[in-house]
Structures are given as C-alpha cells and as structure tokens.
Amino acid sequence: METSIRNFCENIRQRKEEYRLSDRQLAMLLGISIFSVRKLLQGEVPRQLGADTVVRAAVFFDCPLSDLFTPPHK
C-alpha cells in the first residue's frame, strides 16, 4: 500500500483515539458507513472514501489536509 495512504489511515486512527470517538461517531462525522470506518482503521481504503471525506476529516480535526498524509506522531 502507498505510504501516504497508510499514513492517512494511521492518522485517522490516532485522532479517533485522541478525540475519544466511537466508530459510529467517526462514521457520521466523515459521512461514511461504520463498515468503511472499520476498514479505514485497519489500514484499508474503503471504496466510499473520496476527497469529500478527506476534507471533512481535516475540517473536523482542524488540521491541514497535508497533515493527514504525513507520518503520524508516535
């Protein structure tokens, strides 16, 4: 899998934990299904994932789009 996609998945997982969001809450915020959220959290890119989902994530987590694709902080 491409590194930037792997970074995106890990950044979303870390932010989900930091914000203490349930899978259902994250799905609602991103506008995708819980199934898609779970795939994303496992490092897989769901078919439902589009640019609009990435923008919603950046807006909610109050970060530049590029931050979601850079290596996550450990």
N, C-alpha and C. Protein backbone atom coordinates (compact mmCIF):
# COMPACT_ATOMS: atom_id res chain seq x y z
N MET A 1 0.85 -1.18 0.00
CA MET A 1 0.00 0.00 0.00
C MET A 1 0.89 1.24 0.00
N GLU A 2 0.44 2.26 -0.66
CA GLU A 2 1.19 3.50 -0.75
C GLU A 2 1.36 4.12 0.64
N THR A 3 2.54 4.68 0.88
CA THR A 3 2.86 5.23 2.19
C THR A 3 1.91 6.33 2.62
N SER A 4 1.53 7.23 1.73
CA SER A 4 0.65 8.33 2.13
C SER A 4 -0.73 7.82 2.54
N ILE A 5 -1.20 6.75 1.92
CA ILE A 5 -2.49 6.16 2.29
C ILE A 5 -2.37 5.49 3.66
N ARG A 6 -1.28 4.80 3.88
CA ARG A 6 -1.02 4.17 5.18
C ARG A 6 -0.97 5.25 6.27
N ASN A 7 -0.31 6.36 5.96
CA ASN A 7 -0.24 7.49 6.91
C ASN A 7 -1.62 8.03 7.21
N PHE A 8 -2.44 8.18 6.17
CA PHE A 8 -3.80 8.70 6.36
C PHE A 8 -4.58 7.80 7.32
N CYS A 9 -4.55 6.51 7.07
CA CYS A 9 -5.28 5.56 7.92
C CYS A 9 -4.81 5.65 9.36
N GLU A 10 -3.50 5.70 9.56
CA GLU A 10 -2.96 5.76 10.92
C GLU A 10 -3.29 7.10 11.59
N ASN A 11 -3.23 8.18 10.85
CA ASN A 11 -3.58 9.48 11.42
C ASN A 11 -5.04 9.53 11.84
N ILE A 12 -5.92 8.96 11.05
CA ILE A 12 -7.33 8.93 11.42
C ILE A 12 -7.52 8.07 12.67
N ARG A 13 -6.84 6.93 12.73
CA ARG A 13 -6.95 6.06 13.91
C ARG A 13 -6.48 6.79 15.17
N GLN A 14 -5.33 7.47 15.07
CA GLN A 14 -4.81 8.20 16.23
C GLN A 14 -5.73 9.33 16.66
N ARG A 15 -6.24 10.07 15.70
CA ARG A 15 -7.14 11.18 16.04
C ARG A 15 -8.46 10.68 16.62
N LYS A 16 -8.94 9.56 16.12
CA LYS A 16 -10.16 8.96 16.67
C LYS A 16 -9.96 8.66 18.16
N GLU A 17 -8.81 8.09 18.49
CA GLU A 17 -8.50 7.79 19.89
C GLU A 17 -8.34 9.07 20.70
N GLU A 18 -7.62 10.03 20.15
CA GLU A 18 -7.38 11.29 20.85
C GLU A 18 -8.69 12.01 21.18
N TYR A 19 -9.61 12.00 20.24
CA TYR A 19 -10.90 12.68 20.42
C TYR A 19 -11.94 11.78 21.10
N ARG A 20 -11.53 10.55 21.37
CA ARG A 20 -12.40 9.57 22.03
C ARG A 20 -13.73 9.38 21.29
N LEU A 21 -13.60 9.15 19.99
CA LEU A 21 -14.78 8.95 19.15
C LEU A 21 -15.08 7.46 19.00
N SER A 22 -16.33 7.12 18.97
CA SER A 22 -16.73 5.75 18.65
C SER A 22 -16.65 5.59 17.12
N ASP A 23 -16.69 4.35 16.67
CA ASP A 23 -16.72 4.10 15.23
C ASP A 23 -17.94 4.78 14.61
N ARG A 24 -19.06 4.71 15.30
CA ARG A 24 -20.31 5.31 14.80
C ARG A 24 -20.17 6.84 14.68
N GLN A 25 -19.59 7.46 15.70
CA GLN A 25 -19.41 8.92 15.66
C GLN A 25 -18.50 9.33 14.52
N LEU A 26 -17.40 8.59 14.35
CA LEU A 26 -16.47 8.91 13.26
C LEU A 26 -17.14 8.73 11.91
N ALA A 27 -17.92 7.68 11.77
CA ALA A 27 -18.64 7.44 10.51
C ALA A 27 -19.57 8.60 10.20
N MET A 28 -20.30 9.07 11.21
CA MET A 28 -21.23 10.19 10.99
C MET A 28 -20.47 11.45 10.62
N LEU A 29 -19.36 11.72 11.29
CA LEU A 29 -18.58 12.92 11.01
C LEU A 29 -17.97 12.90 9.61
N LEU A 30 -17.54 11.73 9.18
CA LEU A 30 -16.90 11.62 7.86
C LEU A 30 -17.90 11.37 6.74
N GLY A 31 -19.13 11.04 7.10
CA GLY A 31 -20.14 10.77 6.08
C GLY A 31 -19.96 9.44 5.38
N ILE A 32 -19.42 8.45 6.11
CA ILE A 32 -19.23 7.12 5.54
C ILE A 32 -19.85 6.10 6.49
N SER A 33 -19.94 4.86 6.05
CA SER A 33 -20.54 3.81 6.87
C SER A 33 -19.58 3.36 7.97
N ILE A 34 -20.14 2.72 8.98
CA ILE A 34 -19.31 2.15 10.05
C ILE A 34 -18.38 1.09 9.47
N PHE A 35 -18.88 0.30 8.53
CA PHE A 35 -18.06 -0.71 7.87
C PHE A 35 -16.84 -0.06 7.22
N SER A 36 -17.05 1.08 6.56
CA SER A 36 -15.94 1.78 5.91
C SER A 36 -14.96 2.34 6.94
N VAL A 37 -15.49 2.83 8.06
CA VAL A 37 -14.61 3.33 9.13
C VAL A 37 -13.73 2.19 9.64
N ARG A 38 -14.33 1.05 9.86
CA ARG A 38 -13.56 -0.09 10.39
C ARG A 38 -12.48 -0.54 9.42
N LYS A 39 -12.79 -0.52 8.12
CA LYS A 39 -11.77 -0.85 7.11
C LYS A 39 -10.64 0.18 7.17
N LEU A 40 -11.02 1.45 7.26
CA LEU A 40 -10.04 2.53 7.32
C LEU A 40 -9.12 2.36 8.53
N LEU A 41 -9.71 2.04 9.67
CA LEU A 41 -8.94 1.88 10.90
C LEU A 41 -8.02 0.66 10.85
N GLN A 42 -8.33 -0.28 9.97
CA GLN A 42 -7.48 -1.46 9.78
C GLN A 42 -6.42 -1.23 8.70
N GLY A 43 -6.39 -0.01 8.16
CA GLY A 43 -5.39 0.33 7.17
C GLY A 43 -5.81 0.07 5.73
N GLU A 44 -7.08 -0.21 5.51
CA GLU A 44 -7.60 -0.44 4.16
C GLU A 44 -8.37 0.79 3.70
N VAL A 45 -8.32 1.05 2.42
CA VAL A 45 -9.05 2.18 1.87
C VAL A 45 -10.41 1.71 1.38
N PRO A 46 -11.48 2.16 2.04
CA PRO A 46 -12.82 1.76 1.60
C PRO A 46 -13.19 2.42 0.28
N ARG A 47 -14.03 1.77 -0.49
CA ARG A 47 -14.47 2.32 -1.78
C ARG A 47 -15.17 3.66 -1.61
N GLN A 48 -15.83 3.82 -0.48
CA GLN A 48 -16.61 5.02 -0.19
C GLN A 48 -15.73 6.25 0.07
N LEU A 49 -14.45 6.04 0.26
CA LEU A 49 -13.57 7.14 0.63
C LEU A 49 -13.28 8.03 -0.57
N GLY A 50 -13.73 9.27 -0.49
CA GLY A 50 -13.49 10.22 -1.56
C GLY A 50 -12.84 11.48 -1.01
N ALA A 51 -12.57 12.41 -1.88
CA ALA A 51 -11.95 13.67 -1.48
C ALA A 51 -12.81 14.40 -0.45
N ASP A 52 -14.13 14.30 -0.59
CA ASP A 52 -15.02 14.97 0.36
C ASP A 52 -14.84 14.42 1.77
N THR A 53 -14.59 13.13 1.89
CA THR A 53 -14.36 12.51 3.20
C THR A 53 -13.07 13.04 3.82
N VAL A 54 -12.04 13.15 3.01
CA VAL A 54 -10.75 13.65 3.49
C VAL A 54 -10.89 15.11 3.95
N VAL A 55 -11.62 15.90 3.19
CA VAL A 55 -11.84 17.31 3.57
C VAL A 55 -12.62 17.39 4.88
N ARG A 56 -13.66 16.57 5.02
CA ARG A 56 -14.44 16.57 6.27
C ARG A 56 -13.55 16.21 7.46
N ALA A 57 -12.64 15.26 7.28
CA ALA A 57 -11.73 14.86 8.36
C ALA A 57 -10.83 16.03 8.73
N ALA A 58 -10.27 16.71 7.74
CA ALA A 58 -9.38 17.84 8.02
C ALA A 58 -10.12 18.97 8.72
N VAL A 59 -11.34 19.23 8.31
CA VAL A 59 -12.13 20.29 8.95
C VAL A 59 -12.45 19.91 10.39
N PHE A 60 -12.92 18.69 10.60
CA PHE A 60 -13.29 18.28 11.95
C PHE A 60 -12.08 18.28 12.88
N PHE A 61 -10.96 17.73 12.41
CA PHE A 61 -9.77 17.64 13.25
C PHE A 61 -8.95 18.93 13.23
N ASP A 62 -9.45 19.94 12.52
CA ASP A 62 -8.83 21.26 12.47
C ASP A 62 -7.35 21.19 12.11
N CYS A 63 -7.08 20.56 10.97
CA CYS A 63 -5.70 20.43 10.51
C CYS A 63 -5.65 20.57 8.99
N PRO A 64 -4.49 20.94 8.47
CA PRO A 64 -4.35 21.00 7.01
C PRO A 64 -4.48 19.59 6.41
N LEU A 65 -5.00 19.51 5.21
CA LEU A 65 -5.12 18.22 4.53
C LEU A 65 -3.79 17.46 4.53
N SER A 66 -2.72 18.17 4.29
CA SER A 66 -1.40 17.53 4.19
C SER A 66 -1.02 16.81 5.49
N ASP A 67 -1.47 17.31 6.64
CA ASP A 67 -1.14 16.67 7.91
C ASP A 67 -1.70 15.25 7.99
N LEU A 68 -2.80 15.00 7.32
CA LEU A 68 -3.41 13.67 7.37
C LEU A 68 -2.63 12.64 6.56
N PHE A 69 -1.74 13.10 5.68
CA PHE A 69 -0.98 12.20 4.82
C PHE A 69 0.50 12.13 5.17
N THR A 70 0.90 12.83 6.21
CA THR A 70 2.31 12.77 6.65
C THR A 70 2.45 11.71 7.72
N PRO A 71 3.66 11.25 7.99
CA PRO A 71 3.82 10.23 9.03
C PRO A 71 3.23 10.69 10.35
N PRO A 72 2.45 9.82 10.99
CA PRO A 72 1.81 10.20 12.26
C PRO A 72 2.81 10.32 13.39
N HIS A 73 2.43 11.07 14.41
CA HIS A 73 3.25 11.18 15.60
C HIS A 73 3.06 9.94 16.43
N LYS A 74 4.11 9.41 16.93
CA LYS A 74 4.04 8.17 17.73
C LYS A 74 3.80 8.47 19.17
